[in-house]
N, C-alpha and C. Protein backbone atom coordinates (compact mmCIF):
# COMPACT_ATOMS: atom_id res chain seq x y z
N MET A 1 -0.59 12.94 30.87
CA MET A 1 -1.70 12.43 30.11
C MET A 1 -1.95 10.97 30.50
N ALA A 2 -3.19 10.64 30.79
CA ALA A 2 -3.54 9.28 31.21
C ALA A 2 -3.51 8.33 30.02
N ARG A 3 -2.99 7.16 30.24
CA ARG A 3 -2.94 6.14 29.18
C ARG A 3 -4.22 5.31 29.23
N LEU A 4 -4.80 5.03 28.05
CA LEU A 4 -6.00 4.19 27.98
C LEU A 4 -5.64 2.76 28.32
N ASN A 5 -6.58 2.04 28.90
CA ASN A 5 -6.30 0.63 29.21
C ASN A 5 -6.28 -0.19 27.91
N LEU A 6 -5.79 -1.40 27.98
CA LEU A 6 -5.61 -2.25 26.79
C LEU A 6 -6.94 -2.52 26.09
N LEU A 7 -8.00 -2.76 26.86
CA LEU A 7 -9.31 -3.02 26.26
C LEU A 7 -9.78 -1.82 25.45
N GLU A 8 -9.61 -0.65 25.96
CA GLU A 8 -10.04 0.57 25.27
C GLU A 8 -9.23 0.78 23.99
N GLU A 9 -7.95 0.46 24.01
CA GLU A 9 -7.09 0.67 22.85
C GLU A 9 -7.38 -0.31 21.72
N THR A 10 -7.85 -1.52 22.04
CA THR A 10 -8.05 -2.55 21.02
C THR A 10 -9.53 -2.83 20.78
N ARG A 11 -10.38 -1.92 21.15
CA ARG A 11 -11.82 -2.14 21.04
C ARG A 11 -12.27 -2.21 19.59
N TYR A 12 -11.63 -1.49 18.69
CA TYR A 12 -12.05 -1.45 17.30
C TYR A 12 -11.18 -2.37 16.45
N GLU A 13 -11.82 -3.10 15.56
CA GLU A 13 -11.07 -3.96 14.65
C GLU A 13 -10.53 -3.13 13.50
N LYS A 14 -9.39 -3.52 13.01
CA LYS A 14 -8.78 -2.85 11.86
C LYS A 14 -9.09 -3.68 10.62
N LEU A 15 -9.94 -3.17 9.75
CA LEU A 15 -10.33 -3.90 8.55
C LEU A 15 -9.85 -3.15 7.31
N PRO A 16 -9.26 -3.88 6.37
CA PRO A 16 -8.85 -3.21 5.13
C PRO A 16 -10.08 -2.79 4.32
N VAL A 17 -10.03 -1.60 3.77
CA VAL A 17 -11.17 -1.07 3.01
C VAL A 17 -10.67 -0.61 1.64
N SER A 18 -11.40 -0.97 0.61
CA SER A 18 -11.09 -0.51 -0.75
C SER A 18 -12.27 0.29 -1.26
N VAL A 19 -11.99 1.41 -1.88
CA VAL A 19 -13.04 2.26 -2.44
C VAL A 19 -12.90 2.25 -3.95
N TYR A 20 -14.01 2.00 -4.65
CA TYR A 20 -14.00 1.91 -6.10
C TYR A 20 -14.83 3.04 -6.69
N ALA A 21 -14.56 3.35 -7.93
CA ALA A 21 -15.24 4.47 -8.60
C ALA A 21 -16.72 4.20 -8.80
N ASP A 22 -17.06 2.94 -9.08
CA ASP A 22 -18.47 2.62 -9.30
C ASP A 22 -18.73 1.16 -8.93
N GLN A 23 -20.00 0.78 -8.99
CA GLN A 23 -20.42 -0.55 -8.58
C GLN A 23 -19.85 -1.63 -9.49
N LYS A 24 -19.75 -1.37 -10.77
CA LYS A 24 -19.25 -2.37 -11.71
C LYS A 24 -17.80 -2.71 -11.44
N SER A 25 -16.95 -1.70 -11.26
CA SER A 25 -15.54 -1.98 -10.99
C SER A 25 -15.37 -2.69 -9.65
N ALA A 26 -16.19 -2.35 -8.68
CA ALA A 26 -16.12 -3.02 -7.38
C ALA A 26 -16.52 -4.49 -7.51
N SER A 27 -17.60 -4.77 -8.22
CA SER A 27 -18.05 -6.15 -8.36
C SER A 27 -17.05 -6.99 -9.16
N LEU A 28 -16.42 -6.40 -10.16
CA LEU A 28 -15.40 -7.13 -10.92
C LEU A 28 -14.19 -7.44 -10.04
N ALA A 29 -13.79 -6.51 -9.21
CA ALA A 29 -12.66 -6.74 -8.31
C ALA A 29 -12.97 -7.83 -7.29
N VAL A 30 -14.18 -7.81 -6.75
CA VAL A 30 -14.57 -8.84 -5.80
C VAL A 30 -14.65 -10.20 -6.47
N ALA A 31 -15.22 -10.26 -7.66
CA ALA A 31 -15.31 -11.52 -8.41
C ALA A 31 -13.93 -12.09 -8.72
N ALA A 32 -13.00 -11.23 -9.10
CA ALA A 32 -11.65 -11.67 -9.40
C ALA A 32 -10.97 -12.21 -8.15
N ARG A 33 -11.21 -11.57 -7.03
CA ARG A 33 -10.59 -12.03 -5.78
C ARG A 33 -11.16 -13.38 -5.37
N ILE A 34 -12.46 -13.56 -5.51
CA ILE A 34 -13.08 -14.85 -5.18
C ILE A 34 -12.57 -15.94 -6.12
N ALA A 35 -12.47 -15.64 -7.42
CA ALA A 35 -11.96 -16.61 -8.40
C ALA A 35 -10.53 -17.03 -8.07
N LYS A 36 -9.74 -16.09 -7.62
CA LYS A 36 -8.35 -16.38 -7.27
C LYS A 36 -8.29 -17.34 -6.06
N LEU A 37 -9.20 -17.14 -5.11
CA LEU A 37 -9.22 -18.02 -3.93
C LEU A 37 -9.67 -19.43 -4.26
N ILE A 38 -10.56 -19.53 -5.24
CA ILE A 38 -11.08 -20.85 -5.63
C ILE A 38 -10.02 -21.56 -6.46
């Protein structure tokens, strides 16, 4: 089996993703995270 080159293997960024039940819970979580950073 041929091995992909390094560029092909790292082409996609790995981003953490969170899924919330609804828009309100998502916005509250984002607001809390921003408040914590400030």
